[in-house]
């Protein structure tokens, strides 16, 4: 080996520690970048898990909203049925009033027949003065008048019994109408409560959609953004102060860094 070979061997011996130091620094930077990449992946997984929980909560709220709507439909059906029953009761009440009018007409007829009976009685007294001439005819007339009076008394008793029955039926229908009105009031109250619950669920549903949209935007931002190397950042993103030993560097987003005093 000459002087040239000895010089080449010495230069190679001097370059080995420099290359080893460069490789060591590169390995440390690679480990740092891998750690940052692992933290970013863990954060993305956590946000995906939160997004899945929000989606599940949204599905649960949708099911609750469907149940409330079904309850409102059933309450409306019950209200419609109650209204139909109330209309039927009102119709029955009108029929009872018509029957009462007929009974009043019957009583008027009975009064007229009574007046006719009294007139017949007067005629009978007048006819008694002529008893000698018309005794046979007067006896027949008195018999007929007696039978007619009995028939009228029977008709009066029957009409009175019918009037009592109709009054009792009208009173019973009035009670039914009162019960139906109470049921309608209770159903209206339930309907108002169900509508209030539906409004609350709608508000919660809107808030959940806003949260889902916010998380989706964060996820899209994390997916499309490029991370800024912390070695190139020297000042805080918020207060613009320079980073020192006391002012630590804290990541404030995918493209910016802040200090510990300002926070992320």
Protein backbone atom coordinates (compact mmCIF):
# COMPACT_ATOMS: atom_id res chain seq x y z
CA UNK A 1 0.00 0.00 0.00
CA UNK A 2 1.41 3.46 -0.99
CA UNK A 3 0.81 6.90 0.31
CA UNK A 4 -2.35 7.29 -1.81
CA UNK A 5 -3.98 4.14 -0.37
CA UNK A 6 -3.13 5.22 3.17
CA UNK A 7 -4.75 8.64 2.59
CA UNK A 8 -7.93 7.02 1.17
CA UNK A 9 -8.21 4.70 4.14
CA UNK A 10 -7.89 7.63 6.57
CA UNK A 11 -10.61 9.65 4.79
CA UNK A 12 -12.99 6.68 4.91
CA UNK A 13 -12.32 6.21 8.62
CA UNK A 14 -13.24 9.89 9.22
CA UNK A 15 -16.57 9.60 7.25
CA UNK A 16 -17.93 6.55 9.16
CA UNK A 17 -18.89 8.38 12.42
CA UNK A 18 -20.58 11.18 10.40
CA UNK A 19 -22.75 8.72 8.48
CA UNK A 20 -23.58 6.84 11.68
CA UNK A 21 -24.70 10.07 13.35
CA UNK A 22 -26.87 10.96 10.34
CA UNK A 23 -28.48 7.52 10.40
CA UNK A 24 -29.10 7.81 14.17
CA UNK A 25 -30.75 11.23 13.78
CA UNK A 26 -32.88 9.93 10.87
CA UNK A 27 -34.01 6.93 12.94
CA UNK A 28 -35.01 9.21 15.83
CA UNK A 29 -37.02 11.44 13.47
CA UNK A 30 -38.69 8.38 11.95
CA UNK A 31 -39.67 7.13 15.43
CA UNK A 32 -41.05 10.60 16.29
CA UNK A 33 -43.06 10.72 13.07
CA UNK A 34 -44.37 7.19 13.68
CA UNK A 35 -45.46 8.19 17.21
CA UNK A 36 -47.25 11.26 15.83
CA UNK A 37 -48.87 9.13 13.15
CA UNK A 38 -50.06 6.62 15.79
CA UNK A 39 -51.55 9.45 17.88
CA UNK A 40 -53.33 10.83 14.81
CA UNK A 41 -54.72 7.40 13.92
CA UNK A 42 -55.91 6.87 17.52
CA UNK A 43 -57.63 10.29 17.47
CA UNK A 44 -59.34 9.46 14.16
CA UNK A 45 -60.54 6.10 15.55
CA UNK A 46 -61.89 7.81 18.68
CA UNK A 47 -63.77 10.38 16.56
CA UNK A 48 -65.17 7.58 14.36
CA UNK A 49 -66.36 5.81 17.51
CA UNK A 50 -68.01 9.03 18.74
CA UNK A 51 -69.64 9.47 15.33
CA UNK A 52 -71.01 5.91 15.50
CA UNK A 53 -72.46 6.60 18.99
CA UNK A 54 -74.13 9.76 17.66
CA UNK A 55 -75.59 7.78 14.77
CA UNK A 56 -76.97 5.17 17.15
CA UNK A 57 -78.48 7.88 19.33
CA UNK A 58 -80.02 9.44 16.22
CA UNK A 59 -81.62 6.09 15.28
CA UNK A 60 -82.98 5.73 18.83
CA UNK A 61 -84.49 9.23 18.68
CA UNK A 62 -86.03 8.41 15.30
CA UNK A 63 -87.67 5.30 16.80
CA UNK A 64 -89.00 7.34 19.73
CA UNK A 65 -90.33 9.95 17.31
CA UNK A 66 -92.13 7.21 15.33
CA UNK A 67 -93.70 5.84 18.53
CA UNK A 68 -94.90 9.31 19.54
CA UNK A 69 -96.45 9.83 16.10
CA UNK A 70 -98.25 6.49 16.37
CA UNK A 71 -99.54 7.50 19.82
CA UNK A 72 -100.81 10.79 18.37
CA UNK A 73 -102.58 8.93 15.57
CA UNK A 74 -104.29 6.58 18.06
CA UNK A 75 -105.31 9.54 20.23
CA UNK A 76 -106.76 11.30 17.20
CA UNK A 77 -108.68 8.13 16.28
CA UNK A 78 -110.07 7.92 19.82
CA UNK A 79 -111.02 11.61 19.64
CA UNK A 80 -112.83 11.04 16.34
CA UNK A 81 -114.68 8.04 17.84
CA UNK A 82 -115.70 10.13 20.85
CA UNK A 83 -116.98 12.88 18.55
CA UNK A 84 -119.04 10.33 16.63
CA UNK A 85 -120.52 9.02 19.88
CA UNK A 86 -121.31 12.59 20.94
CA UNK A 87 -123.07 13.22 17.62
CA UNK A 88 -125.10 10.02 18.07
CA UNK A 89 -126.04 11.10 21.60
CA UNK A 90 -127.10 14.54 20.31
CA UNK A 91 -129.24 12.84 17.64
CA UNK A 92 -130.87 10.67 20.29
CA UNK A 93 -131.54 13.77 22.37
CA UNK A 94 -133.28 15.42 19.41
CA UNK A 95 -135.40 12.31 18.95
CA UNK A 96 -136.35 12.42 22.62
CA UNK A 97 -137.37 16.07 22.25
CA UNK A 98 -139.53 15.15 19.24
CA UNK A 99 -141.20 12.39 21.28
CA UNK A 100 -141.81 14.85 24.09
CA UNK A 101 -143.46 17.18 21.55
CA UNK A 102 -145.70 14.32 20.47
CA UNK A 103 -146.61 13.66 24.11
CA UNK A 104 -147.49 17.33 24.55
CA UNK A 105 -149.75 17.06 21.52
CA UNK A 106 -151.36 13.96 23.02
CA UNK A 107 -151.97 15.82 26.29
CA UNK A 108 -153.57 18.64 24.31
CA UNK A 109 -155.83 16.11 22.64
CA UNK A 110 -156.73 14.65 26.01
CA UNK A 111 -157.64 18.12 27.25
CA UNK A 112 -159.84 18.63 24.22
CA UNK A 113 -161.50 15.27 24.81
CA UNK A 114 -162.02 16.21 28.46
CA UNK A 115 -163.70 19.42 27.40
CA UNK A 116 -165.84 17.42 25.00
CA UNK A 117 -166.70 15.08 27.88
CA UNK A 118 -167.73 18.00 30.01
CA UNK A 119 -169.88 19.27 27.17
CA UNK A 120 -171.42 15.85 26.87
CA UNK A 121 -172.10 15.84 30.59
CA UNK A 122 -173.86 19.21 30.22
CA UNK A 123 -175.85 17.81 27.38
CA UNK A 124 -176.71 14.84 29.57
CA UNK A 125 -178.03 17.13 32.31
CA UNK A 126 -180.04 19.00 29.73
CA UNK A 127 -181.35 15.72 28.39
CA UNK A 128 -182.46 14.63 31.87
CA UNK A 129 -185.13 17.34 31.70
CA UNK A 130 -186.46 15.52 28.71
CA UNK A 131 -186.13 12.08 30.34
CA UNK A 132 -189.73 11.15 29.62
CA UNK A 133 -189.28 11.52 25.89
CA UNK A 134 -185.73 10.28 25.32
CA UNK A 135 -184.98 7.95 28.26
CA UNK A 136 -183.87 5.04 26.11
CA UNK A 137 -181.64 7.16 23.84
CA UNK A 138 -180.11 8.96 26.86
CA UNK A 139 -179.24 5.66 28.57
CA UNK A 140 -177.41 4.46 25.50
CA UNK A 141 -175.59 7.79 25.20
CA UNK A 142 -174.54 7.67 28.87
CA UNK A 143 -173.19 4.16 28.44
CA UNK A 144 -171.19 5.19 25.38
CA UNK A 145 -169.89 8.25 27.20
CA UNK A 146 -168.78 6.10 30.14
CA UNK A 147 -166.90 3.73 27.89
CA UNK A 148 -165.32 6.65 26.08
CA UNK A 149 -164.26 8.21 29.37
CA UNK A 150 -162.60 4.97 30.47
CA UNK A 151 -160.77 4.76 27.17
CA UNK A 152 -159.59 8.33 27.56
CA UNK A 153 -158.40 7.65 31.12
CA UNK A 154 -156.46 4.62 29.93
CA UNK A 155 -154.92 6.61 27.09
CA UNK A 156 -153.96 9.37 29.55
CA UNK A 157 -152.30 6.84 31.89
CA UNK A 158 -150.40 5.25 28.97
CA UNK A 159 -149.19 8.64 27.72
CA UNK A 160 -148.08 9.60 31.23
CA UNK A 161 -146.08 6.34 31.56
CA UNK A 162 -144.47 6.93 28.15
CA UNK A 163 -143.59 10.49 29.14
CA UNK A 164 -141.85 9.23 32.32
CA UNK A 165 -139.91 6.63 30.33
CA UNK A 166 -138.79 9.25 27.80
CA UNK A 167 -137.74 11.64 30.57
CA UNK A 168 -135.65 8.87 32.13
CA UNK A 169 -134.08 8.05 28.74
CA UNK A 170 -133.26 11.73 28.15
CA UNK A 171 -131.65 12.00 31.59
CA UNK A 172 -129.57 8.89 30.92
CA UNK A 173 -128.45 10.25 27.54
CA UNK A 174 -127.52 13.56 29.17
CA UNK A 175 -125.30 11.66 31.62
CA UNK A 176 -123.67 9.78 28.72
CA UNK A 177 -123.06 13.06 26.91
CA UNK A 178 -121.37 14.47 30.03
CA UNK A 179 -119.12 11.40 30.29
CA UNK A 180 -118.21 11.66 26.60
CA UNK A 181 -117.35 15.34 27.02
CA UNK A 182 -115.05 14.47 29.95
CA UNK A 183 -113.37 11.79 27.82
CA UNK A 184 -112.90 14.27 24.98
CA UNK A 185 -111.28 16.77 27.38
CA UNK A 186 -108.91 14.06 28.67
CA UNK A 187 -108.02 13.03 25.11
CA UNK A 188 -107.36 16.65 24.15
CA UNK A 189 -105.03 16.98 27.13
CA UNK A 190 -103.16 13.81 26.13
CA UNK A 191 -102.91 15.11 22.58
CA UNK A 192 -101.36 18.39 23.78
CA UNK A 193 -98.83 16.48 25.94
CA UNK A 194 -97.93 14.21 23.02
CA UNK A 195 -97.41 17.22 20.72
CA UNK A 196 -95.13 18.85 23.33
CA UNK A 197 -93.11 15.61 23.61
CA UNK A 198 -92.90 15.52 19.81
CA UNK A 199 -91.52 19.08 19.74
CA UNK A 200 -88.88 18.17 22.39
CA UNK A 201 -87.84 15.13 20.38
CA UNK A 202 -87.63 17.24 17.23
CA UNK A 203 -85.33 19.72 19.03
CA UNK A 204 -83.11 16.88 20.30
CA UNK A 205 -83.06 15.43 16.79
CA UNK A 206 -81.90 18.77 15.35
CA UNK A 207 -79.12 19.06 17.95
CA UNK A 208 -77.98 15.52 17.16
CA UNK A 209 -77.83 16.31 13.44
CA UNK A 210 -75.71 19.39 14.19
CA UNK A 211 -73.31 17.25 16.26
CA UNK A 212 -73.09 14.63 13.51
CA UNK A 213 -72.38 17.33 10.91
CA UNK A 214 -69.71 18.87 13.17
CA UNK A 215 -67.99 15.50 13.70
CA UNK A 216 -68.20 14.74 9.96
CA UNK A 217 -66.52 18.08 9.20
CA UNK A 218 -63.78 17.34 11.74
CA UNK A 219 -63.28 13.88 10.25
CA UNK A 220 -63.10 15.29 6.71
CA UNK A 221 -60.68 17.98 7.87
CA UNK A 222 -58.45 15.37 9.54
CA UNK A 223 -58.60 13.17 6.45
CA UNK A 224 -57.74 15.87 3.92
CA UNK A 225 -55.44 18.16 5.96
CA UNK A 226 -51.65 18.01 5.98
CA UNK A 227 -49.84 18.05 9.30
CA UNK A 228 -47.34 20.85 9.77
CA UNK A 229 -43.91 19.88 11.04
CA UNK A 230 -43.35 21.38 14.49
CA UNK A 231 -39.72 22.12 13.71
CA UNK A 232 -40.75 24.77 11.19
CA UNK A 233 -43.08 26.60 13.65
CA UNK A 234 -41.43 29.13 15.96
CA UNK A 235 -44.32 31.35 17.10
CA UNK A 236 -47.75 30.73 18.72
CA UNK A 237 -50.74 30.70 16.35
CA UNK A 238 -52.91 32.68 18.85
CA UNK A 239 -50.73 35.19 20.68
CA UNK A 240 -47.88 35.29 18.05
CA UNK A 241 -45.29 34.97 20.85
CA UNK A 242 -42.09 33.01 20.21
CA UNK A 243 -41.79 29.54 21.74
CA UNK A 244 -39.31 29.25 24.60
CA UNK A 245 -38.50 26.78 27.38
CA UNK A 246 -41.24 28.29 29.57
CA UNK A 247 -43.70 28.78 26.66
CA UNK A 248 -44.24 25.18 25.55
CA UNK A 249 -45.44 24.21 22.09
CA UNK A 250 -48.92 22.58 21.88
CA UNK A 251 -50.68 21.42 18.72
CA UNK A 252 -53.76 23.57 18.05
CA UNK A 253 -54.96 21.78 14.91
CA UNK A 254 -53.75 19.87 11.90
CA UNK A 255 -51.97 22.94 10.45
CA UNK A 256 -51.13 25.10 13.42
CA UNK A 257 -49.35 25.12 16.79
CA UNK A 258 -50.13 27.12 19.90
CA UNK A 259 -48.53 27.70 23.27
CA UNK A 260 -49.53 26.08 26.55
CA UNK A 261 -50.80 29.43 27.88
CA UNK A 262 -53.25 29.94 24.99
CA UNK A 263 -54.22 26.29 24.79
CA UNK A 264 -55.18 24.33 21.69
